Amino acid sequence: MVPVKSFMVPVEKFVTVDRDMDVRKAAQVMRDRNIGSVFVSRGGEVIGILTDTDMVRRVVAVGADATTTSVELIMSSPILTIEENKTLLDANDMMAAHHLRHLGVTRNGKLVGMISVRDLVVFLTNLPRK
């Protein structure tokens, strides 16, 4: 089976926002980049992930003000991770078990990438059909 590292987005390509950014600005970044998540950083270190689901459940659904709520208050942290040499099936199983759409990818415990459900769909779509 194919290893996670073959389909991950490398850390160098992460779209990050500072933990103090308000949710509305983060939503605009996500819209402008056509992405469903951004990584949240503090001093250049990734401390969490903010997804469109986080925004809906933790801001919109509770009537919070997106212009005064910082991303740090609603981000998902810590990021659940999988080692880069695990298989895409392992990643799929972990996402399903934890009801997640994104996993951090690590090498020797250090964050080196991210894989999403979308990445798994791309892989499955390109499999040869019988």
Protein backbone atom coordinates (compact mmCIF):
# COMPACT_ATOMS: atom_id res chain seq x y z
CA MET A 1 0.00 0.00 0.00
CA VAL A 2 1.07 3.58 -0.67
CA PRO A 3 2.73 5.50 2.19
CA VAL A 4 1.15 8.69 3.54
CA LYS A 5 4.24 10.72 2.60
CA SER A 6 3.46 10.14 -1.10
CA PHE A 7 0.24 12.18 -0.88
CA MET A 8 0.87 14.61 1.98
CA VAL A 9 1.12 18.36 1.65
CA PRO A 10 4.63 19.21 2.88
CA VAL A 11 4.99 21.62 5.80
CA GLU A 12 6.67 24.15 3.49
CA LYS A 13 3.35 24.54 1.64
CA PHE A 14 1.18 25.00 4.74
CA VAL A 15 -1.01 28.06 4.82
CA THR A 16 -0.64 29.41 8.35
CA VAL A 17 -2.27 32.18 10.33
CA ASP A 18 -1.16 33.69 13.60
CA ARG A 19 -3.05 32.58 16.69
CA ASP A 20 -4.24 36.16 17.30
CA MET A 21 -5.91 36.54 13.89
CA ASP A 22 -9.67 36.88 14.11
CA VAL A 23 -11.86 34.12 12.68
CA ARG A 24 -13.32 36.33 9.94
CA LYS A 25 -9.89 37.14 8.52
CA ALA A 26 -8.92 33.46 8.67
CA ALA A 27 -12.14 32.59 6.81
CA GLN A 28 -11.20 35.13 4.14
CA VAL A 29 -7.75 33.53 3.77
CA MET A 30 -9.40 30.13 3.36
CA ARG A 31 -11.86 31.49 0.81
CA ASP A 32 -9.17 33.30 -1.17
CA ARG A 33 -6.93 30.20 -1.24
CA ASN A 34 -9.88 27.82 -1.87
CA ILE A 35 -8.90 25.63 1.08
CA GLY A 36 -10.83 24.13 3.99
CA SER A 37 -8.24 24.57 6.71
CA VAL A 38 -5.28 26.64 7.86
CA PHE A 39 -2.63 25.91 10.42
CA VAL A 40 -2.41 28.15 13.46
CA SER A 41 1.03 29.28 14.56
CA ARG A 42 2.69 30.97 17.51
CA GLY A 43 6.11 32.38 16.84
CA GLY A 44 6.45 30.31 13.67
CA GLU A 45 5.56 27.01 15.41
CA VAL A 46 2.37 25.19 14.40
CA ILE A 47 0.13 24.86 17.46
CA GLY A 48 -3.16 23.80 15.91
CA ILE A 49 -5.40 23.56 12.87
CA LEU A 50 -8.47 25.62 12.07
CA THR A 51 -11.02 24.03 9.76
CA ASP A 52 -14.23 25.21 8.19
CA THR A 53 -15.99 22.75 10.51
CA ASP A 54 -14.40 24.41 13.55
CA MET A 55 -15.78 27.74 12.35
CA VAL A 56 -19.29 26.43 11.85
CA ARG A 57 -19.50 24.53 15.13
CA ARG A 58 -17.60 26.90 17.40
CA VAL A 59 -18.51 30.32 15.97
CA VAL A 60 -21.55 30.29 13.71
CA ALA A 61 -23.60 27.71 15.64
CA VAL A 62 -23.10 29.50 18.98
CA GLY A 63 -23.52 33.03 17.63
CA ALA A 64 -19.98 34.16 18.45
CA ASP A 65 -18.59 37.30 16.83
CA ALA A 66 -16.15 36.24 14.11
CA THR A 67 -14.45 39.65 14.18
CA THR A 68 -13.57 39.47 17.89
CA THR A 69 -12.93 35.73 18.29
CA SER A 70 -9.30 34.70 17.78
CA VAL A 71 -8.50 31.55 15.88
CA GLU A 72 -6.63 30.22 18.90
CA LEU A 73 -9.91 30.03 20.83
CA ILE A 74 -11.58 27.73 18.31
CA MET A 75 -8.73 25.81 16.66
CA SER A 76 -8.31 22.07 17.06
CA SER A 77 -5.26 21.28 19.14
CA PRO A 78 -3.22 19.22 19.48
CA ILE A 79 -3.18 18.00 15.89
CA LEU A 80 -3.65 14.25 15.61
CA THR A 81 -0.73 12.83 13.64
CA ILE A 82 0.40 9.79 11.72
CA GLU A 83 3.96 8.78 10.83
CA GLU A 84 4.90 9.37 7.18
CA ASN A 85 5.64 5.70 6.43
CA LYS A 86 2.19 4.50 7.51
CA THR A 87 -0.16 3.65 4.66
CA LEU A 88 -3.03 5.64 3.23
CA LEU A 89 -5.31 2.91 4.57
CA ASP A 90 -3.89 3.56 8.06
CA ALA A 91 -4.61 7.27 7.60
CA ASN A 92 -8.14 6.52 6.41
CA ASP A 93 -8.77 4.26 9.41
CA MET A 94 -7.45 6.88 11.83
CA MET A 95 -9.57 9.64 10.27
CA ALA A 96 -12.66 7.44 10.42
CA ALA A 97 -12.05 6.36 14.02
CA HIS A 98 -11.57 9.95 15.22
CA HIS A 99 -14.09 11.62 12.86
CA LEU A 100 -11.41 13.87 11.36
CA ARG A 101 -10.73 15.15 7.87
CA HIS A 102 -7.09 16.20 8.42
CA LEU A 103 -4.07 14.50 9.96
CA GLY A 104 -0.64 15.90 10.61
CA VAL A 105 2.15 13.78 9.15
CA THR A 106 5.28 13.27 11.22
CA ARG A 107 8.81 12.01 10.71
CA ASN A 108 10.38 10.83 13.96
CA GLY A 109 7.73 12.79 15.86
CA LYS A 110 8.31 16.09 13.99
CA LEU A 111 5.51 17.59 11.88
CA VAL A 112 6.51 17.39 8.19
CA GLY A 113 3.17 17.49 6.39
CA MET A 114 -0.57 17.06 6.39
CA ILE A 115 -2.96 14.68 4.68
CA SER A 116 -6.66 15.24 4.21
CA VAL A 117 -9.70 13.26 3.15
CA ARG A 118 -9.45 15.14 -0.14
CA ASP A 119 -5.97 13.67 -0.67
CA LEU A 120 -7.38 10.18 -0.08
CA VAL A 121 -10.16 10.82 -2.60
CA VAL A 122 -7.60 11.94 -5.21
CA PHE A 123 -5.65 8.74 -4.64
CA LEU A 124 -8.75 6.54 -4.92
CA THR A 125 -9.98 8.36 -8.01
CA ASN A 126 -6.73 7.64 -9.80
CA LEU A 127 -6.66 3.91 -9.06
CA PRO A 128 -6.91 1.68 -12.14
CA ARG A 129 -10.43 0.41 -12.70
CA LYS A 130 -11.20 -3.14 -13.71
